[in-house]
Amino acid sequence: MARLAGRRALFAVPVVLVVTFGVFAIAAASPFDPVKAYAGTAALGADQETLDRLRDNLGVDQSFVVRWWNWLTSALTGDLGHSGVLRQPVAQVIGERLVWSALLCAVAFAVAVLVGTLLGVLAARRPGSMLDRAVTSVAYTLEAAPVFWIALLAVWLFALQWDVLPAGGLTDTASEQVTPGQVASHLVLPAGVLAVSQLPWFTLYVRQGVGDALAEDPVRGARARGIGEGTVLFGHALRSGLLPVLTLIGSRVPELITGALLVESVFSWPGIAAATVEAATAVDFPLLAALTTLATAAVLAGNLLADLLYGLFDPRVKLSEM
């Protein structure tokens, strides 16, 4: 396991270098002017000399290769730079927002895995039944629905029509402090929407895997020996049917991150979404590079987790040979 993690860590180094270099290259070709984004409305009345001096102070006139190298060497020492658009150190910007994004993604992912597994098992128990057709139909429909559309629909239904859940934010409007109860109530809608966007994949994968496992000889033999249906379903078929789902965990991380950005924007959740949008529109090189590196690390960690879980649960796979 340690050798696999070490090899993946070495592989991650060139990947991060290429990704961050690409971010600086794309940002340099962007039509947005970082100087005007930094100055805000003050840029409208500023003369050209002031803008040129500000451009020189920000280092915008340097080539993107020089800016990438300066950022990289500083990042290796722990200095991620300063965000011009948010007027804060990049480490502080990420630290203040990452915990809320991580909370949202963790809750949504856990709900999607648990509910998707349960629905997939129930659908696979009797293929072609009314329940199976209903589950698969809903899964395919949700699979095609954009996450922002689901989010807007949830706000309209649960917050505006029924008024049972808050429409957004982290706490109530008049609240002066963050309490666990308020965070939990405000987390329900965004986490539920993000979970629904991931739910179809786990449901369909579990349904297919468990359905194939129920047709295998060991499971049929267990049924012939009189073992209870629940034991056969959850003790034998589910364990075998979950193996394909383990590989799905890593592949869903990029879409989970993308979905979280959209969900955070709709529900005004104080995660990294707003910082990402502002960094992109203002061509904030240090913040863009740091956020992209963070997303890349999350994707690589998800792939590593999927491989480790597959090696632990599948006796045919040896971690030493991966």
C-alpha atoms as a PDB file:
ATOM      1  CA  MET A   1       0.000   0.000   0.000  1.00  0.00           C
ATOM      2  CA  ALA A   2       2.807   2.405   0.895  1.00  0.00           C
ATOM      3  CA  ARG A   3       4.634   1.605  -2.345  1.00  0.00           C
ATOM      4  CA  LEU A   4       1.492   2.283  -4.384  1.00  0.00           C
ATOM      5  CA  ALA A   5       0.927   5.600  -2.624  1.00  0.00           C
ATOM      6  CA  GLY A   6       4.570   6.532  -3.136  1.00  0.00           C
ATOM      7  CA  ARG A   7       4.462   5.768  -6.856  1.00  0.00           C
ATOM      8  CA  ARG A   8       1.268   7.765  -7.254  1.00  0.00           C
ATOM      9  CA  ALA A   9       2.826  10.688  -5.371  1.00  0.00           C
ATOM     10  CA  LEU A  10       5.795  10.689  -7.745  1.00  0.00           C
ATOM     11  CA  PHE A  11       3.423  10.533 -10.708  1.00  0.00           C
ATOM     12  CA  ALA A  12       1.459  13.487  -9.292  1.00  0.00           C
ATOM     13  CA  VAL A  13       4.466  15.822  -9.439  1.00  0.00           C
ATOM     14  CA  PRO A  14       4.666  16.175 -13.251  1.00  0.00           C
ATOM     15  CA  VAL A  15       0.867  16.245 -13.463  1.00  0.00           C
ATOM     16  CA  VAL A  16       0.672  19.222 -11.076  1.00  0.00           C
ATOM     17  CA  LEU A  17       3.494  20.985 -12.936  1.00  0.00           C
ATOM     18  CA  VAL A  18       1.753  20.590 -16.293  1.00  0.00           C
ATOM     19  CA  VAL A  19      -1.637  21.627 -14.901  1.00  0.00           C
ATOM     20  CA  THR A  20      -0.358  24.767 -13.175  1.00  0.00           C
ATOM     21  CA  PHE A  21       1.676  25.730 -16.241  1.00  0.00           C
ATOM     22  CA  GLY A  22      -1.446  25.336 -18.356  1.00  0.00           C
ATOM     23  CA  VAL A  23      -3.423  27.543 -15.964  1.00  0.00           C
ATOM     24  CA  PHE A  24      -0.935  30.379 -16.313  1.00  0.00           C
ATOM     25  CA  ALA A  25      -0.842  29.950 -20.096  1.00  0.00           C
ATOM     26  CA  ILE A  26      -4.644  30.012 -20.444  1.00  0.00           C
ATOM     27  CA  ALA A  27      -4.994  32.913 -18.019  1.00  0.00           C
ATOM     28  CA  ALA A  28      -2.415  34.901 -20.002  1.00  0.00           C
ATOM     29  CA  ALA A  29      -4.530  34.450 -23.138  1.00  0.00           C
ATOM     30  CA  SER A  30      -7.690  35.550 -21.342  1.00  0.00           C
ATOM     31  CA  PRO A  31      -9.420  38.746 -22.565  1.00  0.00           C
ATOM     32  CA  PHE A  32      -9.942  39.909 -18.970  1.00  0.00           C
ATOM     33  CA  ASP A  33      -7.636  42.642 -17.679  1.00  0.00           C
ATOM     34  CA  PRO A  34      -6.302  41.799 -14.185  1.00  0.00           C
ATOM     35  CA  VAL A  35      -5.337  45.441 -13.564  1.00  0.00           C
ATOM     36  CA  LYS A  36      -8.883  46.726 -14.099  1.00  0.00           C
ATOM     37  CA  ALA A  37     -10.250  43.838 -12.043  1.00  0.00           C
ATOM     38  CA  TYR A  38      -7.864  44.714  -9.210  1.00  0.00           C
ATOM     39  CA  ALA A  39      -8.628  48.437  -9.303  1.00  0.00           C
ATOM     40  CA  GLY A  40     -12.379  47.942  -9.648  1.00  0.00           C
ATOM     41  CA  THR A  41     -14.422  51.088 -10.258  1.00  0.00           C
ATOM     42  CA  ALA A  42     -11.348  53.221  -9.518  1.00  0.00           C
ATOM     43  CA  ALA A  43      -9.903  52.110 -12.862  1.00  0.00           C
ATOM     44  CA  LEU A  44     -12.647  54.019 -14.691  1.00  0.00           C
ATOM     45  CA  GLY A  45     -11.268  57.405 -13.610  1.00  0.00           C
ATOM     46  CA  ALA A  46      -7.587  56.522 -13.438  1.00  0.00           C
ATOM     47  CA  ASP A  47      -5.131  57.856 -16.007  1.00  0.00           C
ATOM     48  CA  GLN A  48      -2.935  55.608 -18.104  1.00  0.00           C
ATOM     49  CA  GLU A  49       0.183  56.362 -16.047  1.00  0.00           C
ATOM     50  CA  THR A  50      -1.501  55.119 -12.885  1.00  0.00           C
ATOM     51  CA  LEU A  51      -2.708  51.971 -14.612  1.00  0.00           C
ATOM     52  CA  ASP A  52       0.778  51.331 -16.029  1.00  0.00           C
ATOM     53  CA  ARG A  53       2.336  51.753 -12.581  1.00  0.00           C
ATOM     54  CA  LEU A  54      -0.214  49.374 -11.095  1.00  0.00           C
ATOM     55  CA  ARG A  55       0.428  46.936 -13.941  1.00  0.00           C
ATOM     56  CA  ASP A  56       4.135  47.037 -13.137  1.00  0.00           C
ATOM     57  CA  ASN A  57       3.527  46.487  -9.410  1.00  0.00           C
ATOM     58  CA  LEU A  58       1.335  43.473 -10.112  1.00  0.00           C
ATOM     59  CA  GLY A  59       3.871  42.028 -12.538  1.00  0.00           C
ATOM     60  CA  VAL A  60       1.280  41.677 -15.272  1.00  0.00           C
ATOM     61  CA  ASP A  61       3.733  42.711 -17.982  1.00  0.00           C
ATOM     62  CA  GLN A  62       5.946  39.709 -17.247  1.00  0.00           C
ATOM     63  CA  SER A  63       5.567  36.627 -19.406  1.00  0.00           C
ATOM     64  CA  PHE A  64       3.356  33.900 -18.020  1.00  0.00           C
ATOM     65  CA  VAL A  65       6.380  31.572 -17.873  1.00  0.00           C
ATOM     66  CA  VAL A  66       8.183  33.941 -15.498  1.00  0.00           C
ATOM     67  CA  ARG A  67       5.070  34.380 -13.375  1.00  0.00           C
ATOM     68  CA  TRP A  68       4.528  30.605 -13.271  1.00  0.00           C
ATOM     69  CA  TRP A  69       8.113  29.975 -12.202  1.00  0.00           C
ATOM     70  CA  ASN A  70       8.000  32.690  -9.524  1.00  0.00           C
ATOM     71  CA  TRP A  71       4.751  31.294  -8.163  1.00  0.00           C
ATOM     72  CA  LEU A  72       6.056  27.719  -8.209  1.00  0.00           C
ATOM     73  CA  THR A  73       9.283  28.494  -6.366  1.00  0.00           C
ATOM     74  CA  SER A  74       7.378  30.509  -3.760  1.00  0.00           C
ATOM     75  CA  ALA A  75       4.745  27.767  -3.364  1.00  0.00           C
ATOM     76  CA  LEU A  76       7.470  25.206  -2.638  1.00  0.00           C
ATOM     77  CA  THR A  77       8.463  27.314   0.370  1.00  0.00           C
ATOM     78  CA  GLY A  78       4.859  27.521   1.577  1.00  0.00           C
ATOM     79  CA  ASP A  79       4.056  30.948   0.153  1.00  0.00           C
ATOM     80  CA  LEU A  80       1.096  30.641  -2.226  1.00  0.00           C
ATOM     81  CA  GLY A  81       1.126  34.334  -2.982  1.00  0.00           C
ATOM     82  CA  HIS A  82      -1.403  37.097  -2.488  1.00  0.00           C
ATOM     83  CA  SER A  83      -4.814  37.281  -4.107  1.00  0.00           C
ATOM     84  CA  GLY A  84      -5.173  40.624  -5.814  1.00  0.00           C
ATOM     85  CA  VAL A  85      -8.928  40.442  -6.317  1.00  0.00           C
ATOM     86  CA  LEU A  86      -9.762  39.339  -2.758  1.00  0.00           C
ATOM     87  CA  ARG A  87      -6.985  41.363  -1.069  1.00  0.00           C
ATOM     88  CA  GLN A  88      -5.936  38.392   1.068  1.00  0.00           C
ATOM     89  CA  PRO A  89      -3.129  35.831   1.138  1.00  0.00           C
ATOM     90  CA  VAL A  90      -4.086  32.850  -1.011  1.00  0.00           C
ATOM     91  CA  ALA A  91      -3.565  30.448   1.890  1.00  0.00           C
ATOM     92  CA  GLN A  92      -6.051  32.451   3.967  1.00  0.00           C
ATOM     93  CA  VAL A  93      -8.596  32.547   1.129  1.00  0.00           C
ATOM     94  CA  ILE A  94      -8.451  28.769   0.747  1.00  0.00           C
ATOM     95  CA  GLY A  95      -8.351  28.078   4.483  1.00  0.00           C
ATOM     96  CA  GLU A  96     -11.488  30.126   5.177  1.00  0.00           C
ATOM     97  CA  ARG A  97     -13.511  28.434   2.436  1.00  0.00           C
ATOM     98  CA  LEU A  98     -12.143  24.933   2.043  1.00  0.00           C
ATOM     99  CA  VAL A  99     -13.719  23.570   5.217  1.00  0.00           C
ATOM    100  CA  TRP A 100     -17.226  24.466   4.011  1.00  0.00           C
ATOM    101  CA  SER A 101     -16.647  23.012   0.547  1.00  0.00           C
ATOM    102  CA  ALA A 102     -15.224  19.840   2.090  1.00  0.00           C
ATOM    103  CA  LEU A 103     -18.240  19.549   4.407  1.00  0.00           C
ATOM    104  CA  LEU A 104     -20.652  19.945   1.494  1.00  0.00           C
ATOM    105  CA  CYS A 105     -18.858  17.395  -0.715  1.00  0.00           C
ATOM    106  CA  ALA A 106     -18.379  14.850   2.080  1.00  0.00           C
ATOM    107  CA  VAL A 107     -22.039  14.881   3.155  1.00  0.00           C
ATOM    108  CA  ALA A 108     -23.318  14.786  -0.433  1.00  0.00           C
ATOM    109  CA  PHE A 109     -20.955  11.990  -1.447  1.00  0.00           C
ATOM    110  CA  ALA A 110     -21.828   9.871   1.592  1.00  0.00           C
ATOM    111  CA  VAL A 111     -25.564  10.289   0.980  1.00  0.00           C
ATOM    112  CA  ALA A 112     -25.160   9.470  -2.720  1.00  0.00           C
ATOM    113  CA  VAL A 113     -23.204   6.282  -1.985  1.00  0.00           C
ATOM    114  CA  LEU A 114     -25.550   5.034   0.755  1.00  0.00           C
ATOM    115  CA  VAL A 115     -28.845   5.855  -0.971  1.00  0.00           C
ATOM    116  CA  GLY A 116     -27.529   4.768  -4.375  1.00  0.00           C
ATOM    117  CA  THR A 117     -26.381   1.432  -2.951  1.00  0.00           C
ATOM    118  CA  LEU A 118     -29.740   0.815  -1.298  1.00  0.00           C
ATOM    119  CA  LEU A 119     -31.752   1.698  -4.406  1.00  0.00           C
ATOM    120  CA  GLY A 120     -29.441  -0.334  -6.621  1.00  0.00           C
ATOM    121  CA  VAL A 121     -29.808  -3.424  -4.431  1.00  0.00           C
ATOM    122  CA  LEU A 122     -33.592  -3.113  -4.296  1.00  0.00           C
ATOM    123  CA  ALA A 123     -33.782  -2.671  -8.064  1.00  0.00           C
ATOM    124  CA  ALA A 124     -31.476  -5.643  -8.736  1.00  0.00           C
ATOM    125  CA  ARG A 125     -33.434  -7.928  -6.417  1.00  0.00           C
ATOM    126  CA  ARG A 126     -36.223  -8.360  -8.974  1.00  0.00           C
ATOM    127  CA  PRO A 127     -35.104  -7.279 -12.458  1.00  0.00           C
ATOM    128  CA  GLY A 128     -37.935  -6.013 -14.613  1.00  0.00           C
ATOM    129  CA  SER A 129     -40.269  -5.401 -11.691  1.00  0.00           C
ATOM    130  CA  MET A 130     -42.196  -2.185 -11.187  1.00  0.00           C
ATOM    131  CA  LEU A 131     -39.650  -1.016  -8.606  1.00  0.00           C
ATOM    132  CA  ASP A 132     -36.751  -1.794 -10.921  1.00  0.00           C
ATOM    133  CA  ARG A 133     -38.301   0.141 -13.802  1.00  0.00           C
ATOM    134  CA  ALA A 134     -39.159   3.076 -11.566  1.00  0.00           C
ATOM    135  CA  VAL A 135     -35.650   3.282 -10.061  1.00  0.00           C
ATOM    136  CA  THR A 136     -33.868   3.035 -13.394  1.00  0.00           C
ATOM    137  CA  SER A 137     -36.206   5.538 -15.057  1.00  0.00           C
ATOM    138  CA  VAL A 138     -35.646   8.114 -12.330  1.00  0.00           C
ATOM    139  CA  ALA A 139     -31.903   7.428 -12.391  1.00  0.00           C
ATOM    140  CA  TYR A 140     -31.613   7.993 -16.130  1.00  0.00           C
ATOM    141  CA  THR A 141     -33.711  11.155 -15.862  1.00  0.00           C
ATOM    142  CA  LEU A 142     -31.553  12.602 -13.076  1.00  0.00           C
ATOM    143  CA  GLU A 143     -28.428  11.578 -14.953  1.00  0.00           C
ATOM    144  CA  ALA A 144     -29.425  13.874 -17.806  1.00  0.00           C
ATOM    145  CA  ALA A 145     -30.567  16.781 -15.616  1.00  0.00           C
ATOM    146  CA  PRO A 146     -28.063  19.656 -15.112  1.00  0.00           C
ATOM    147  CA  VAL A 147     -27.151  20.142 -11.478  1.00  0.00           C
ATOM    148  CA  PHE A 148     -27.911  23.874 -11.543  1.00  0.00           C
ATOM    149  CA  TRP A 149     -31.428  23.121 -12.831  1.00  0.00           C
ATOM    150  CA  ILE A 150     -31.985  20.685  -9.977  1.00  0.00           C
ATOM    151  CA  ALA A 151     -30.691  23.326  -7.559  1.00  0.00           C
ATOM    152  CA  LEU A 152     -33.037  26.029  -8.852  1.00  0.00           C
ATOM    153  CA  LEU A 153     -35.954  23.601  -8.773  1.00  0.00           C
ATOM    154  CA  ALA A 154     -35.130  22.675  -5.174  1.00  0.00           C
ATOM    155  CA  VAL A 155     -35.011  26.341  -4.141  1.00  0.00           C
ATOM    156  CA  TRP A 156     -38.353  27.021  -5.813  1.00  0.00           C
ATOM    157  CA  LEU A 157     -40.044  23.998  -4.243  1.00  0.00           C
ATOM    158  CA  PHE A 158     -38.606  23.696  -0.737  1.00  0.00           C
ATOM    159  CA  ALA A 159     -37.755  27.343   0.017  1.00  0.00           C
ATOM    160  CA  LEU A 160     -40.285  29.411  -1.940  1.00  0.00           C
ATOM    161  CA  GLN A 161     -43.347  27.194  -2.265  1.00  0.00           C
ATOM    162  CA  TRP A 162     -43.237  25.079   0.886  1.00  0.00           C
ATOM    163  CA  ASP A 163     -40.968  27.344   2.991  1.00  0.00           C
ATOM    164  CA  VAL A 164     -39.539  24.385   4.892  1.00  0.00           C
ATOM    165  CA  LEU A 165     -35.838  24.964   4.223  1.00  0.00           C
ATOM    166  CA  PRO A 166     -33.656  28.079   3.836  1.00  0.00           C
ATOM    167  CA  ALA A 167     -32.867  29.122   0.282  1.00  0.00           C
ATOM    168  CA  GLY A 168     -29.172  29.674   0.789  1.00  0.00           C
ATOM    169  CA  GLY A 169     -26.345  30.965   2.894  1.00  0.00           C
ATOM    170  CA  LEU A 170     -24.687  29.414   5.904  1.00  0.00           C
ATOM    171  CA  THR A 171     -26.781  30.910   8.710  1.00  0.00           C
ATOM    172  CA  ASP A 172     -30.014  32.824   9.165  1.00  0.00           C
ATOM    173  CA  THR A 173     -30.060  36.435   8.025  1.00  0.00           C
ATOM    174  CA  ALA A 174     -30.311  37.992  11.491  1.00  0.00           C
ATOM    175  CA  SER A 175     -27.854  35.578  13.110  1.00  0.00           C
ATOM    176  CA  GLU A 176     -24.646  37.002  14.543  1.00  0.00           C
ATOM    177  CA  GLN A 177     -22.848  33.687  15.025  1.00  0.00           C
ATOM    178  CA  VAL A 178     -22.519  30.346  13.297  1.00  0.00           C
ATOM    179  CA  THR A 179     -24.276  27.522  15.157  1.00  0.00           C
ATOM    180  CA  PRO A 180     -24.317  23.791  14.284  1.00  0.00           C
ATOM    181  CA  GLY A 181     -28.115  23.807  14.040  1.00  0.00           C
ATOM    182  CA  GLN A 182     -28.199  26.621  11.505  1.00  0.00           C
ATOM    183  CA  VAL A 183     -25.378  25.098   9.476  1.00  0.00           C
ATOM    184  CA  ALA A 184     -27.200  21.756   9.415  1.00  0.00           C
ATOM    185  CA  SER A 185     -30.482  23.290   8.245  1.00  0.00           C
ATOM    186  CA  HIS A 186     -28.752  25.352   5.560  1.00  0.00           C
ATOM    187  CA  LEU A 187     -26.727  22.319   4.462  1.00  0.00           C
ATOM    188  CA  VAL A 188     -29.756  20.152   3.665  1.00  0.00           C
ATOM    189  CA  LEU A 189     -30.656  21.684   0.297  1.00  0.00           C
ATOM    190  CA  PRO A 190     -27.175  22.121  -1.245  1.00  0.00           C
ATOM    191  CA  ALA A 191     -25.947  18.750  -0.001  1.00  0.00           C
ATOM    192  CA  GLY A 192     -29.182  17.080  -1.105  1.00  0.00           C
ATOM    193  CA  VAL A 193     -28.968  18.582  -4.590  1.00  0.00           C
ATOM    194  CA  LEU A 194     -25.310  17.614  -4.964  1.00  0.00           C
ATOM    195  CA  ALA A 195     -26.104  14.096  -3.746  1.00  0.00           C
ATOM    196  CA  VAL A 196     -28.975  13.780  -6.224  1.00  0.00           C
ATOM    197  CA  SER A 197     -26.608  14.767  -9.053  1.00  0.00           C
ATOM    198  CA  GLN A 198     -24.284  11.877  -8.108  1.00  0.00           C
ATOM    199  CA  LEU A 199     -26.993   9.393  -7.119  1.00  0.00           C
ATOM    200  CA  PRO A 200     -27.835   7.932 -10.577  1.00  0.00           C
ATOM    201  CA  TRP A 201     -24.327   6.692 -11.213  1.00  0.00           C
ATOM    202  CA  PHE A 202     -24.075   4.732  -7.980  1.00  0.00           C
ATOM    203  CA  THR A 203     -27.615   3.402  -8.310  1.00  0.00           C
ATOM    204  CA  LEU A 204     -27.083   2.076 -11.836  1.00  0.00           C
ATOM    205  CA  TYR A 205     -23.633   0.650 -11.104  1.00  0.00           C
ATOM    206  CA  VAL A 206     -24.840  -1.165  -7.972  1.00  0.00           C
ATOM    207  CA  ARG A 207     -27.929  -2.452  -9.787  1.00  0.00           C
ATOM    208  CA  GLN A 208     -25.801  -3.883 -12.589  1.00  0.00           C
ATOM    209  CA  GLY A 209     -23.163  -5.316 -10.269  1.00  0.00           C
ATOM    210  CA  VAL A 210     -25.595  -6.915  -7.830  1.00  0.00           C
ATOM    211  CA  GLY A 211     -27.744  -8.210 -10.693  1.00  0.00           C
ATOM    212  CA  ASP A 212     -24.745  -9.943 -12.236  1.00  0.00           C
ATOM    213  CA  ALA A 213     -23.701 -11.320  -8.840  1.00  0.00           C
ATOM    214  CA  LEU A 214     -27.150 -12.807  -8.202  1.00  0.00           C
ATOM    215  CA  ALA A 215     -26.804 -14.840 -11.400  1.00  0.00           C
ATOM    216  CA  GLU A 216     -23.462 -16.351 -10.363  1.00  0.00           C
ATOM    217  CA  ASP A 217     -23.201 -19.961  -9.200  1.00  0.00           C
ATOM    218  CA  PRO A 218     -21.995 -19.206  -5.621  1.00  0.00           C
ATOM    219  CA  VAL A 219     -25.016 -16.995  -4.955  1.00  0.00           C
ATOM    220  CA  ARG A 220     -27.408 -19.449  -6.553  1.00  0.00           C
ATOM    221  CA  GLY A 221     -25.868 -22.190  -4.441  1.00  0.00           C
ATOM    222  CA  ALA A 222     -26.374 -20.138  -1.295  1.00  0.00           C
ATOM    223  CA  ARG A 223     -30.040 -19.755  -2.152  1.00  0.00           C
ATOM    224  CA  ALA A 224     -30.317 -23.493  -2.830  1.00  0.00           C
ATOM    225  CA  ARG A 225     -28.908 -24.234   0.628  1.00  0.00           C
ATOM    226  CA  GLY A 226     -31.768 -22.276   2.166  1.00  0.00           C
ATOM    227  CA  ILE A 227     -29.807 -19.219   3.269  1.00  0.00           C
ATOM    228  CA  GLY A 228     -32.049 -16.235   3.944  1.00  0.00           C
ATOM    229  CA  GLU A 229     -32.699 -13.762   1.145  1.00  0.00           C
ATOM    230  CA  GLY A 230     -31.295 -10.858   3.148  1.00  0.00           C
ATOM    231  CA  THR A 231     -28.046 -12.719   3.821  1.00  0.00           C
ATOM    232  CA  VAL A 232     -27.732 -13.713   0.170  1.00  0.00           C
ATOM    233  CA  LEU A 233     -28.486 -10.191  -1.028  1.00  0.00           C
ATOM    234  CA  PHE A 234     -26.389  -8.137   1.363  1.00  0.00           C
ATOM    235  CA  GLY A 235     -23.839 -10.701   2.494  1.00  0.00           C
ATOM    236  CA  HIS A 236     -22.917 -12.310  -0.827  1.00  0.00           C
ATOM    237  CA  ALA A 237     -24.245 -10.433  -3.861  1.00  0.00           C
ATOM    238  CA  LEU A 238     -23.650  -6.924  -2.551  1.00  0.00           C
ATOM    239  CA  ARG A 239     -20.010  -7.550  -1.688  1.00  0.00           C
ATOM    240  CA  SER A 240     -19.304  -8.847  -5.170  1.00  0.00           C
ATOM    241  CA  GLY A 241     -21.481  -6.250  -6.851  1.00  0.00           C
ATOM    242  CA  LEU A 242     -19.787  -3.327  -5.112  1.00  0.00           C
ATOM    243  CA  LEU A 243     -16.415  -3.982  -6.746  1.00  0.00           C
ATOM    244  CA  PRO A 244     -17.242  -1.985  -9.915  1.00  0.00           C
ATOM    245  CA  VAL A 245     -18.530   0.832  -7.718  1.00  0.00           C
ATOM    246  CA  LEU A 246     -15.106   1.225  -6.111  1.00  0.00           C
ATOM    247  CA  THR A 247     -13.629   2.299  -9.431  1.00  0.00           C
ATOM    248  CA  LEU A 248     -16.493   4.768  -9.813  1.00  0.00           C
ATOM    249  CA  ILE A 249     -15.436   6.652  -6.687  1.00  0.00           C
ATOM    250  CA  GLY A 250     -12.309   8.051  -8.285  1.00  0.00           C
ATOM    251  CA  SER A 251     -13.957   8.921 -11.586  1.00  0.00           C
ATOM    252  CA  ARG A 252     -16.765  10.870  -9.885  1.00  0.00           C
ATOM    253  CA  VAL A 253     -14.438  13.238  -8.015  1.00  0.00           C
ATOM    254  CA  PRO A 254     -13.995  15.703 -10.928  1.00  0.00           C
ATOM    255  CA  GLU A 255     -17.744  15.965 -11.499  1.00  0.00           C
ATOM    256  CA  LEU A 256     -18.316  16.201  -7.750  1.00  0.00           C
ATOM    257  CA  ILE A 257     -16.002  19.228  -7.638  1.00  0.00           C
ATOM    258  CA  THR A 258     -17.670  20.811 -10.670  1.00  0.00           C
ATOM    259  CA  GLY A 259     -21.125  20.153  -9.251  1.00  0.00           C
ATOM    260  CA  ALA A 260     -20.080  21.616  -5.910  1.00  0.00           C
ATOM    261  CA  LEU A 261     -18.999  24.848  -7.611  1.00  0.00           C
ATOM    262  CA  LEU A 262     -22.397  25.211  -9.290  1.00  0.00           C
ATOM    263  CA  VAL A 263     -24.322  24.266  -6.161  1.00  0.00           C
ATOM    264  CA  GLU A 264     -22.334  26.689  -4.014  1.00  0.00           C
ATOM    265  CA  SER A 265     -23.060  29.476  -6.485  1.00  0.00           C
ATOM    266  CA  VAL A 266     -26.813  28.816  -6.496  1.00  0.00           C
ATOM    267  CA  PHE A 267     -27.133  28.476  -2.718  1.00  0.00           C
ATOM    268  CA  SER A 268     -24.560  31.161  -1.786  1.00  0.00           C
ATOM    269  CA  TRP A 269     -22.645  28.533   0.164  1.00  0.00           C
ATOM    270  CA  PRO A 270     -19.398  30.107   1.466  1.00  0.00           C
ATOM    271  CA  GLY A 271     -17.076  27.602  -0.178  1.00  0.00           C
ATOM    272  CA  ILE A 272     -14.414  28.025  -2.823  1.00  0.00           C
ATOM    273  CA  ALA A 273     -16.878  28.565  -5.691  1.00  0.00           C
ATOM    274  CA  ALA A 274     -17.089  32.338  -5.349  1.00  0.00           C
ATOM    275  CA  ALA A 275     -13.313  32.569  -5.023  1.00  0.00           C
ATOM    276  CA  THR A 276     -12.880  30.434  -8.140  1.00  0.00           C
ATOM    277  CA  VAL A 277     -15.224  32.589 -10.211  1.00  0.00           C
ATOM    278  CA  GLU A 278     -13.618  35.834  -9.050  1.00  0.00           C
ATOM    279  CA  ALA A 279     -10.130  34.448  -9.650  1.00  0.00           C
ATOM    280  CA  ALA A 280     -11.068  33.379 -13.177  1.00  0.00           C
ATOM    281  CA  THR A 281     -12.743  36.657 -14.198  1.00  0.00           C
ATOM    282  CA  ALA A 282      -9.992  38.781 -12.634  1.00  0.00           C
ATOM    283  CA  VAL A 283      -7.161  36.564 -13.942  1.00  0.00           C
ATOM    284  CA  ASP A 284      -5.822  36.234 -10.406  1.00  0.00           C
ATOM    285  CA  PHE A 285      -2.819  34.039 -11.227  1.00  0.00           C
ATOM    286  CA  PRO A 286      -1.783  32.961  -7.687  1.00  0.00           C
ATOM    287  CA  LEU A 287      -5.314  32.108  -6.587  1.00  0.00           C
ATOM    288  CA  LEU A 288      -6.121  30.365  -9.881  1.00  0.00           C
ATOM    289  CA  ALA A 289      -3.003  28.229  -9.674  1.00  0.00           C
ATOM    290  CA  ALA A 290      -3.595  27.293  -6.041  1.00  0.00           C
ATOM    291  CA  LEU A 291      -7.240  26.339  -6.607  1.00  0.00           C
ATOM    292  CA  THR A 292      -6.352  24.316  -9.698  1.00  0.00           C
ATOM    293  CA  THR A 293      -3.594  22.515  -7.806  1.00  0.00           C
ATOM    294  CA  LEU A 294      -6.056  21.748  -5.029  1.00  0.00           C
ATOM    295  CA  ALA A 295      -8.604  20.319  -7.482  1.00  0.00           C
ATOM    296  CA  THR A 296      -5.915  18.267  -9.221  1.00  0.00           C
ATOM    297  CA  ALA A 297      -4.746  16.859  -5.899  1.00  0.00           C
ATOM    298  CA  ALA A 298      -8.336  15.920  -5.028  1.00  0.00           C
ATOM    299  CA  VAL A 299      -8.777  14.055  -8.322  1.00  0.00           C
ATOM    300  CA  LEU A 300      -5.492  12.182  -7.895  1.00  0.00           C
ATOM    301  CA  ALA A 301      -6.386  11.324  -4.294  1.00  0.00           C
ATOM    302  CA  GLY A 302      -9.768  10.003  -5.434  1.00  0.00           C
ATOM    303  CA  ASN A 303      -8.132   7.741  -8.008  1.00  0.00           C
ATOM    304  CA  LEU A 304      -5.667   6.481  -5.415  1.00  0.00           C
ATOM    305  CA  LEU A 305      -8.488   5.792  -2.953  1.00  0.00           C
ATOM    306  CA  ALA A 306     -10.388   3.819  -5.593  1.00  0.00           C
ATOM    307  CA  ASP A 307      -7.335   1.668  -6.340  1.00  0.00           C
ATOM    308  CA  LEU A 308      -6.655   1.051  -2.658  1.00  0.00           C
ATOM    309  CA  LEU A 309     -10.259   0.063  -1.959  1.00  0.00           C
ATOM    310  CA  TYR A 310     -10.297  -2.240  -4.977  1.00  0.00           C
ATOM    311  CA  GLY A 311      -7.117  -3.916  -3.805  1.00  0.00           C
ATOM    312  CA  LEU A 312      -8.459  -4.371  -0.280  1.00  0.00           C
ATOM    313  CA  PHE A 313     -11.867  -5.767  -1.229  1.00  0.00           C
ATOM    314  CA  ASP A 314     -10.998  -7.846  -4.297  1.00  0.00           C
ATOM    315  CA  PRO A 315      -8.897 -10.894  -3.316  1.00  0.00           C
ATOM    316  CA  ARG A 316      -7.832 -11.332  -6.946  1.00  0.00           C
ATOM    317  CA  VAL A 317      -5.970  -8.006  -6.866  1.00  0.00           C
ATOM    318  CA  LYS A 318      -2.693  -7.648  -4.984  1.00  0.00           C
ATOM    319  CA  LEU A 319      -1.646  -4.164  -3.950  1.00  0.00           C
ATOM    320  CA  SER A 320       2.004  -5.186  -4.315  1.00  0.00           C
ATOM    321  CA  GLU A 321       1.458  -5.753  -8.039  1.00  0.00           C
ATOM    322  CA  MET A 322      -0.396  -2.493  -8.705  1.00  0.00           C
END
